[in-house]
Amino acid sequence: GYFSPATIGDFVFEDVDNSGTYNAGDTAFANIDVDLYLDDGDGIRNAGDTFIGTQTTDAAGAYDFTGLTPGDYFVDVDETSLPAGYSPPLAYERNTGLPVTNPLYPSSGEKLKV
């Protein structure tokens, strides 16, 4: 069938006020490596998933993976690229323009469907 290529994008930031959204007072992180994997169908982030690529966050903490085919994906933050003194969880705000009620965290391996 036909499909429009999808995008998975977001921000990597310290959620200072624990609101689950990126807002005034939160700290965006630049130069953080974010990896994307296509799920192998079992719904679990593991070695059977296909590595799609790495994006590095920009000065605003944003990243985007574009041109994606329909499927289930995992987003994973390379914890070694976090600033000194920081460790997960850091909140991710989904690129929908809507408030996030369940932020993603690097250690969660939450699955995204496109």
Protein backbone atom coordinates (compact mmCIF):
# COMPACT_ATOMS: atom_id res chain seq x y z
CA GLY A 1 0.00 0.00 0.00
CA TYR A 2 0.83 3.65 0.00
CA PHE A 3 2.19 5.56 2.97
CA SER A 4 3.71 8.92 3.75
CA PRO A 5 7.18 8.76 5.28
CA ALA A 6 7.04 9.53 8.98
CA THR A 7 9.24 11.48 11.39
CA ILE A 8 10.16 10.76 14.98
CA GLY A 9 11.53 13.83 16.71
CA ASP A 10 11.77 15.28 20.13
CA PHE A 11 13.90 17.14 22.65
CA VAL A 12 16.39 15.94 25.23
CA PHE A 13 16.26 18.06 28.36
CA GLU A 14 16.43 18.13 32.12
CA ASP A 15 12.86 18.42 33.39
CA VAL A 16 13.74 20.68 36.33
CA ASP A 17 10.15 21.13 37.53
CA ASN A 18 9.08 17.51 36.77
CA SER A 19 6.19 18.76 34.63
CA GLY A 20 6.76 16.27 31.81
CA THR A 21 7.02 19.10 29.29
CA TYR A 22 9.85 21.31 28.11
CA ASN A 23 9.24 24.80 29.51
CA ALA A 24 10.93 27.82 31.07
CA GLY A 25 13.56 26.79 33.57
CA ASP A 26 14.27 23.41 31.96
CA THR A 27 17.72 22.79 30.50
CA ALA A 28 18.01 21.63 26.87
CA PHE A 29 20.99 19.41 26.06
CA ALA A 30 22.96 19.90 22.84
CA ASN A 31 25.29 17.30 21.32
CA ILE A 32 23.49 14.28 22.79
CA ASP A 33 23.50 11.16 20.61
CA VAL A 34 20.08 9.59 20.09
CA ASP A 35 19.79 6.17 18.41
CA LEU A 36 16.75 4.78 16.61
CA TYR A 37 15.94 1.07 16.25
CA LEU A 38 13.18 -0.71 14.33
CA ASP A 39 11.51 -3.32 16.52
CA ASP A 40 11.90 -6.92 15.35
CA GLY A 41 8.27 -7.58 16.28
CA ASP A 42 8.61 -8.78 19.86
CA GLY A 43 7.97 -5.36 21.47
CA ILE A 44 11.18 -5.57 23.51
CA ARG A 45 14.33 -3.51 22.91
CA ASN A 46 16.99 -6.17 22.24
CA ALA A 47 19.79 -7.26 19.90
CA GLY A 48 17.28 -8.45 17.29
CA ASP A 49 16.12 -4.88 16.56
CA THR A 50 17.45 -3.13 13.46
CA PHE A 51 19.65 -0.08 14.05
CA ILE A 52 18.32 2.78 11.88
CA GLY A 53 20.75 5.56 12.74
CA THR A 54 21.99 8.19 15.15
CA GLN A 55 21.00 11.85 15.39
CA THR A 56 22.80 14.39 17.56
CA THR A 57 20.70 17.00 19.33
CA ASP A 58 21.05 20.59 18.18
CA ALA A 59 21.57 23.66 20.39
CA ALA A 60 17.88 23.51 21.43
CA GLY A 61 18.12 19.81 22.37
CA ALA A 62 16.08 18.75 19.32
CA TYR A 63 16.55 15.72 17.10
CA ASP A 64 14.58 14.30 14.14
CA PHE A 65 14.61 10.98 12.32
CA THR A 66 12.88 11.46 8.96
CA GLY A 67 11.77 9.31 6.03
CA LEU A 68 10.63 6.41 8.24
CA THR A 69 8.44 3.58 7.01
CA PRO A 70 5.48 2.37 9.10
CA GLY A 71 6.57 0.26 12.04
CA ASP A 72 7.39 0.16 15.73
CA TYR A 73 10.55 1.99 16.79
CA PHE A 74 12.63 2.43 19.92
CA VAL A 75 14.45 5.68 20.74
CA ASP A 76 17.54 5.32 22.91
CA VAL A 77 19.78 8.05 24.32
CA ASP A 78 23.50 7.31 24.46
CA GLU A 79 24.08 7.95 28.14
CA THR A 80 27.82 8.41 27.54
CA SER A 81 27.02 11.62 25.61
CA LEU A 82 25.18 13.26 28.53
CA PRO A 83 26.88 16.23 30.22
CA ALA A 84 29.12 15.49 33.20
CA GLY A 85 27.13 15.18 36.39
CA TYR A 86 23.86 14.17 34.65
CA SER A 87 22.27 10.79 34.46
CA PRO A 88 18.83 9.55 33.42
CA PRO A 89 16.01 10.03 33.68
CA LEU A 90 15.80 13.04 31.40
CA ALA A 91 12.41 13.83 29.88
CA TYR A 92 11.69 13.80 26.16
CA GLU A 93 8.88 15.92 24.79
CA ARG A 94 7.23 14.34 21.78
CA ASN A 95 7.20 16.53 18.68
CA THR A 96 3.40 16.90 18.56
CA GLY A 97 2.91 20.39 19.92
CA LEU A 98 0.76 18.93 22.71
CA PRO A 99 1.68 18.63 26.38
CA VAL A 100 3.27 15.33 27.32
CA THR A 101 1.59 13.42 30.11
CA ASN A 102 3.91 10.39 29.96
CA PRO A 103 7.41 11.56 29.05
CA LEU A 104 9.90 9.08 27.64
CA TYR A 105 13.09 8.36 29.51
CA PRO A 106 16.37 7.04 28.11
CA SER A 107 16.30 3.91 30.21
CA SER A 108 12.69 3.01 29.46
CA GLY A 109 13.09 1.75 25.89
CA GLU A 110 9.54 2.95 25.21
CA LYS A 111 8.24 1.92 21.82
CA LEU A 112 6.95 4.47 19.31
CA LYS A 113 4.66 3.51 16.44
CA VAL A 114 4.71 5.38 13.12
